[in-house]
Amino acid sequence: IKTFQGPPHGIQVERDKLNKYGRPLLGCTIKPKLGLSAKNYGRAVYECLRGGLDFTKDDENVNSQPFMRWRDRFLFCAEALYKAQAETGEIKGHYLNATAGTCEEMMKRAIFARELGVPIVMHDYLTGGFTANTSLAHYCRDNGLLLHIHRAMHAVIDRQKNHGMHFRVL
């Protein structure tokens, strides 16, 4: 635990990046989480951001399915983000799920998100793994990306009172 540097950024950095102060950040997870094409998913992101939300996010199940590959989703979400920003004059965000089956693939997704100029990536740290999460946190810290950690699968570990670990330790 002593070697863990903690989150790469906190809420203040997120507020600074989104230029939102003095009020709660308003966001949502795009639904349905499965079944939309990348284009339709991007359209939902645009409508939410254009409608007044500060950010949208991928659900933990949104990864790279045959009907919506990650690269296509990233491109359509970035397009939606920039279109909503241009029309509203506000800075917006979308949490792109970079979780992948290997650390290398996860990093490829995070790098692509950064190249698109998207300010936030998301990682399912329990399903992705602690070491993968640490690698991604270092990358985000070094490259100015916000990192949102999703706690998918935490209940398997922390819900039982007689065994497991407290969520704050996770």
C-alpha atoms as a PDB file:
ATOM      1  CA  ILE A   1       0.000   0.000   0.000  1.00  0.00           C
ATOM      2  CA  LYS A   2       2.925   2.359   0.669  1.00  0.00           C
ATOM      3  CA  THR A   3       3.937   2.235  -2.991  1.00  0.00           C
ATOM      4  CA  PHE A   4       0.462   3.135  -4.253  1.00  0.00           C
ATOM      5  CA  GLN A   5       0.390   6.812  -5.168  1.00  0.00           C
ATOM      6  CA  GLY A   6      -3.358   7.185  -4.915  1.00  0.00           C
ATOM      7  CA  PRO A   7      -5.628   8.597  -7.576  1.00  0.00           C
ATOM      8  CA  PRO A   8      -3.894  10.534 -10.335  1.00  0.00           C
ATOM      9  CA  HIS A   9      -6.333  13.428  -9.866  1.00  0.00           C
ATOM     10  CA  GLY A  10      -9.124  14.460  -7.529  1.00  0.00           C
ATOM     11  CA  ILE A  11     -12.448  16.236  -7.868  1.00  0.00           C
ATOM     12  CA  GLN A  12     -10.813  19.670  -8.020  1.00  0.00           C
ATOM     13  CA  VAL A  13      -8.855  18.731 -11.145  1.00  0.00           C
ATOM     14  CA  GLU A  14     -12.051  17.374 -12.707  1.00  0.00           C
ATOM     15  CA  ARG A  15     -13.834  20.631 -11.904  1.00  0.00           C
ATOM     16  CA  ASP A  16     -10.922  22.572 -13.388  1.00  0.00           C
ATOM     17  CA  LYS A  17     -10.938  20.507 -16.602  1.00  0.00           C
ATOM     18  CA  LEU A  18     -14.712  20.842 -16.987  1.00  0.00           C
ATOM     19  CA  ASN A  19     -14.770  24.458 -15.731  1.00  0.00           C
ATOM     20  CA  LYS A  20     -17.632  23.661 -13.347  1.00  0.00           C
ATOM     21  CA  TYR A  21     -17.678  25.161  -9.849  1.00  0.00           C
ATOM     22  CA  GLY A  22     -20.135  25.821  -7.043  1.00  0.00           C
ATOM     23  CA  ARG A  23     -22.592  23.101  -7.987  1.00  0.00           C
ATOM     24  CA  PRO A  24     -22.769  19.351  -8.407  1.00  0.00           C
ATOM     25  CA  LEU A  25     -21.480  17.870 -11.637  1.00  0.00           C
ATOM     26  CA  LEU A  26     -24.389  16.437 -13.618  1.00  0.00           C
ATOM     27  CA  GLY A  27     -23.886  13.267 -15.581  1.00  0.00           C
ATOM     28  CA  CYS A  28     -25.360   9.952 -16.597  1.00  0.00           C
ATOM     29  CA  THR A  29     -24.483   6.507 -17.833  1.00  0.00           C
ATOM     30  CA  ILE A  30     -25.677   5.880 -21.377  1.00  0.00           C
ATOM     31  CA  LYS A  31     -28.491   3.315 -21.555  1.00  0.00           C
ATOM     32  CA  PRO A  32     -29.258   0.855 -22.935  1.00  0.00           C
ATOM     33  CA  LYS A  33     -25.805  -0.320 -22.081  1.00  0.00           C
ATOM     34  CA  LEU A  34     -25.800  -3.022 -24.731  1.00  0.00           C
ATOM     35  CA  GLY A  35     -27.294  -3.211 -28.206  1.00  0.00           C
ATOM     36  CA  LEU A  36     -26.711   0.235 -29.706  1.00  0.00           C
ATOM     37  CA  SER A  37     -24.430   0.718 -32.684  1.00  0.00           C
ATOM     38  CA  ALA A  38     -21.444   3.000 -32.123  1.00  0.00           C
ATOM     39  CA  LYS A  39     -23.169   5.711 -34.175  1.00  0.00           C
ATOM     40  CA  ASN A  40     -26.401   5.513 -32.158  1.00  0.00           C
ATOM     41  CA  TYR A  41     -24.419   5.402 -28.934  1.00  0.00           C
ATOM     42  CA  GLY A  42     -22.596   8.581 -29.980  1.00  0.00           C
ATOM     43  CA  ARG A  43     -25.948  10.168 -30.773  1.00  0.00           C
ATOM     44  CA  ALA A  44     -27.173   9.393 -27.240  1.00  0.00           C
ATOM     45  CA  VAL A  45     -23.987  10.951 -25.822  1.00  0.00           C
ATOM     46  CA  TYR A  46     -24.555  14.077 -27.918  1.00  0.00           C
ATOM     47  CA  GLU A  47     -28.213  14.414 -26.882  1.00  0.00           C
ATOM     48  CA  CYS A  48     -27.349  14.102 -23.190  1.00  0.00           C
ATOM     49  CA  LEU A  49     -24.495  16.601 -23.356  1.00  0.00           C
ATOM     50  CA  ARG A  50     -26.424  19.015 -25.572  1.00  0.00           C
ATOM     51  CA  GLY A  51     -29.369  18.693 -23.200  1.00  0.00           C
ATOM     52  CA  GLY A  52     -27.369  20.101 -20.289  1.00  0.00           C
ATOM     53  CA  LEU A  53     -25.366  17.320 -18.684  1.00  0.00           C
ATOM     54  CA  ASP A  54     -21.712  17.970 -17.855  1.00  0.00           C
ATOM     55  CA  PHE A  55     -20.589  14.456 -18.677  1.00  0.00           C
ATOM     56  CA  THR A  56     -21.733  11.044 -19.794  1.00  0.00           C
ATOM     57  CA  LYS A  57     -20.048   7.710 -19.229  1.00  0.00           C
ATOM     58  CA  ASP A  58     -19.808   4.237 -20.630  1.00  0.00           C
ATOM     59  CA  ASP A  59     -21.345   1.478 -18.571  1.00  0.00           C
ATOM     60  CA  GLU A  60     -18.911  -1.150 -17.317  1.00  0.00           C
ATOM     61  CA  ASN A  61     -20.328  -3.674 -19.808  1.00  0.00           C
ATOM     62  CA  VAL A  62     -19.633  -1.394 -22.760  1.00  0.00           C
ATOM     63  CA  ASN A  63     -16.321  -2.649 -23.999  1.00  0.00           C
ATOM     64  CA  SER A  64     -15.818  -3.915 -27.552  1.00  0.00           C
ATOM     65  CA  GLN A  65     -18.713  -6.025 -28.747  1.00  0.00           C
ATOM     66  CA  PRO A  66     -19.262  -7.065 -32.391  1.00  0.00           C
ATOM     67  CA  PHE A  67     -22.107  -4.530 -32.748  1.00  0.00           C
ATOM     68  CA  MET A  68     -20.053  -1.681 -31.238  1.00  0.00           C
ATOM     69  CA  ARG A  69     -16.265  -1.916 -31.416  1.00  0.00           C
ATOM     70  CA  TRP A  70     -14.318   0.243 -28.975  1.00  0.00           C
ATOM     71  CA  ARG A  71     -12.517   2.329 -31.616  1.00  0.00           C
ATOM     72  CA  ASP A  72     -15.775   3.225 -33.381  1.00  0.00           C
ATOM     73  CA  ARG A  73     -17.401   4.093 -30.046  1.00  0.00           C
ATOM     74  CA  PHE A  74     -14.464   6.293 -29.065  1.00  0.00           C
ATOM     75  CA  LEU A  75     -14.657   8.156 -32.396  1.00  0.00           C
ATOM     76  CA  PHE A  76     -18.423   8.737 -32.276  1.00  0.00           C
ATOM     77  CA  CYS A  77     -18.289   9.773 -28.605  1.00  0.00           C
ATOM     78  CA  ALA A  78     -15.473  12.248 -29.283  1.00  0.00           C
ATOM     79  CA  GLU A  79     -17.447  13.691 -32.202  1.00  0.00           C
ATOM     80  CA  ALA A  80     -20.526  14.025 -29.963  1.00  0.00           C
ATOM     81  CA  LEU A  81     -18.477  15.652 -27.220  1.00  0.00           C
ATOM     82  CA  TYR A  82     -16.968  18.272 -29.524  1.00  0.00           C
ATOM     83  CA  LYS A  83     -20.277  19.004 -31.248  1.00  0.00           C
ATOM     84  CA  ALA A  84     -22.037  19.533 -27.898  1.00  0.00           C
ATOM     85  CA  GLN A  85     -19.189  21.753 -26.692  1.00  0.00           C
ATOM     86  CA  ALA A  86     -19.347  23.876 -29.851  1.00  0.00           C
ATOM     87  CA  GLU A  87     -23.107  24.311 -29.572  1.00  0.00           C
ATOM     88  CA  THR A  88     -23.270  25.027 -25.835  1.00  0.00           C
ATOM     89  CA  GLY A  89     -20.004  26.890 -25.318  1.00  0.00           C
ATOM     90  CA  GLU A  90     -19.372  24.650 -22.294  1.00  0.00           C
ATOM     91  CA  ILE A  91     -16.657  22.098 -21.638  1.00  0.00           C
ATOM     92  CA  LYS A  92     -18.112  18.587 -21.592  1.00  0.00           C
ATOM     93  CA  GLY A  93     -16.774  15.136 -20.778  1.00  0.00           C
ATOM     94  CA  HIS A  94     -17.382  11.505 -21.598  1.00  0.00           C
ATOM     95  CA  TYR A  95     -15.816   8.651 -19.605  1.00  0.00           C
ATOM     96  CA  LEU A  96     -14.568   6.209 -22.245  1.00  0.00           C
ATOM     97  CA  ASN A  97     -14.204   2.666 -20.904  1.00  0.00           C
ATOM     98  CA  ALA A  98     -10.613   1.615 -21.638  1.00  0.00           C
ATOM     99  CA  THR A  99     -10.907  -1.731 -19.819  1.00  0.00           C
ATOM    100  CA  ALA A 100      -9.604  -4.583 -21.967  1.00  0.00           C
ATOM    101  CA  GLY A 101      -8.494  -8.194 -21.767  1.00  0.00           C
ATOM    102  CA  THR A 102      -4.807  -7.273 -21.600  1.00  0.00           C
ATOM    103  CA  CYS A 103      -2.841  -4.404 -20.150  1.00  0.00           C
ATOM    104  CA  GLU A 104      -1.419  -3.640 -23.599  1.00  0.00           C
ATOM    105  CA  GLU A 105      -4.877  -3.351 -25.139  1.00  0.00           C
ATOM    106  CA  MET A 106      -6.068  -1.177 -22.249  1.00  0.00           C
ATOM    107  CA  MET A 107      -3.122   1.178 -22.761  1.00  0.00           C
ATOM    108  CA  LYS A 108      -3.777   1.291 -26.525  1.00  0.00           C
ATOM    109  CA  ARG A 109      -7.324   2.444 -25.784  1.00  0.00           C
ATOM    110  CA  ALA A 110      -6.187   5.073 -23.270  1.00  0.00           C
ATOM    111  CA  ILE A 111      -3.596   6.403 -25.711  1.00  0.00           C
ATOM    112  CA  PHE A 112      -6.209   6.599 -28.481  1.00  0.00           C
ATOM    113  CA  ALA A 113      -8.588   8.473 -26.149  1.00  0.00           C
ATOM    114  CA  ARG A 114      -5.826  10.957 -25.359  1.00  0.00           C
ATOM    115  CA  GLU A 115      -5.052  11.389 -29.069  1.00  0.00           C
ATOM    116  CA  LEU A 116      -8.732  12.209 -29.625  1.00  0.00           C
ATOM    117  CA  GLY A 117      -8.457  14.875 -26.920  1.00  0.00           C
ATOM    118  CA  VAL A 118     -11.070  13.283 -24.677  1.00  0.00           C
ATOM    119  CA  PRO A 119     -10.319  14.366 -21.087  1.00  0.00           C
ATOM    120  CA  ILE A 120     -11.485  11.269 -19.174  1.00  0.00           C
ATOM    121  CA  VAL A 121     -11.025   7.506 -19.389  1.00  0.00           C
ATOM    122  CA  MET A 122     -12.620   4.853 -17.231  1.00  0.00           C
ATOM    123  CA  HIS A 123     -11.301   1.525 -15.973  1.00  0.00           C
ATOM    124  CA  ASP A 124     -13.008  -1.379 -14.224  1.00  0.00           C
ATOM    125  CA  TYR A 125     -10.230  -1.873 -11.729  1.00  0.00           C
ATOM    126  CA  LEU A 126     -11.362  -5.192 -10.250  1.00  0.00           C
ATOM    127  CA  THR A 127     -12.089  -6.928 -13.537  1.00  0.00           C
ATOM    128  CA  GLY A 128      -9.069  -5.268 -15.167  1.00  0.00           C
ATOM    129  CA  GLY A 129      -6.709  -6.002 -12.308  1.00  0.00           C
ATOM    130  CA  PHE A 130      -4.797  -4.014  -9.715  1.00  0.00           C
ATOM    131  CA  THR A 131      -1.526  -3.937 -11.662  1.00  0.00           C
ATOM    132  CA  ALA A 132      -3.265  -2.881 -14.870  1.00  0.00           C
ATOM    133  CA  ASN A 133      -5.019  -0.143 -12.924  1.00  0.00           C
ATOM    134  CA  THR A 134      -1.724   1.093 -11.483  1.00  0.00           C
ATOM    135  CA  SER A 135      -0.195   1.203 -14.976  1.00  0.00           C
ATOM    136  CA  LEU A 136      -3.168   3.153 -16.291  1.00  0.00           C
ATOM    137  CA  ALA A 137      -3.094   5.527 -13.306  1.00  0.00           C
ATOM    138  CA  HIS A 138       0.579   6.281 -13.998  1.00  0.00           C
ATOM    139  CA  TYR A 139      -0.174   6.899 -17.679  1.00  0.00           C
ATOM    140  CA  CYS A 140      -3.082   9.211 -16.848  1.00  0.00           C
ATOM    141  CA  ARG A 141      -1.047  11.091 -14.253  1.00  0.00           C
ATOM    142  CA  ASP A 142       1.812  11.605 -16.717  1.00  0.00           C
ATOM    143  CA  ASN A 143      -0.427  12.599 -19.633  1.00  0.00           C
ATOM    144  CA  GLY A 144      -3.088  14.835 -18.112  1.00  0.00           C
ATOM    145  CA  LEU A 145      -5.994  12.412 -18.444  1.00  0.00           C
ATOM    146  CA  LEU A 146      -8.602  12.082 -15.749  1.00  0.00           C
ATOM    147  CA  LEU A 147      -9.129   8.496 -14.617  1.00  0.00           C
ATOM    148  CA  HIS A 148     -12.517   7.320 -13.413  1.00  0.00           C
ATOM    149  CA  ILE A 149     -12.451   4.001 -11.594  1.00  0.00           C
ATOM    150  CA  HIS A 150     -15.503   1.786 -11.881  1.00  0.00           C
ATOM    151  CA  ARG A 151     -16.070  -0.704  -9.104  1.00  0.00           C
ATOM    152  CA  ALA A 152     -17.736  -3.444 -11.128  1.00  0.00           C
ATOM    153  CA  MET A 153     -17.640  -6.763  -9.244  1.00  0.00           C
ATOM    154  CA  HIS A 154     -16.893  -5.170  -5.855  1.00  0.00           C
ATOM    155  CA  ALA A 155     -19.895  -6.751  -4.154  1.00  0.00           C
ATOM    156  CA  VAL A 156     -18.369 -10.201  -4.577  1.00  0.00           C
ATOM    157  CA  ILE A 157     -15.507  -9.068  -2.345  1.00  0.00           C
ATOM    158  CA  ASP A 158     -16.849  -6.462   0.066  1.00  0.00           C
ATOM    159  CA  ARG A 159     -20.508  -7.204   0.833  1.00  0.00           C
ATOM    160  CA  GLN A 160     -19.985 -10.061   3.269  1.00  0.00           C
ATOM    161  CA  LYS A 161     -19.475  -9.017   6.900  1.00  0.00           C
ATOM    162  CA  ASN A 162     -17.667 -12.218   7.864  1.00  0.00           C
ATOM    163  CA  HIS A 163     -15.036 -12.242   5.127  1.00  0.00           C
ATOM    164  CA  GLY A 164     -13.689 -10.127   2.301  1.00  0.00           C
ATOM    165  CA  MET A 165     -12.316  -6.607   2.463  1.00  0.00           C
ATOM    166  CA  HIS A 166     -13.735  -3.214   3.119  1.00  0.00           C
ATOM    167  CA  PHE A 167     -14.412  -1.291  -0.083  1.00  0.00           C
ATOM    168  CA  ARG A 168     -12.131   1.574   0.975  1.00  0.00           C
ATOM    169  CA  VAL A 169      -9.216  -0.848   1.006  1.00  0.00           C
ATOM    170  CA  LEU A 170     -10.126  -1.962  -2.509  1.00  0.00           C
END
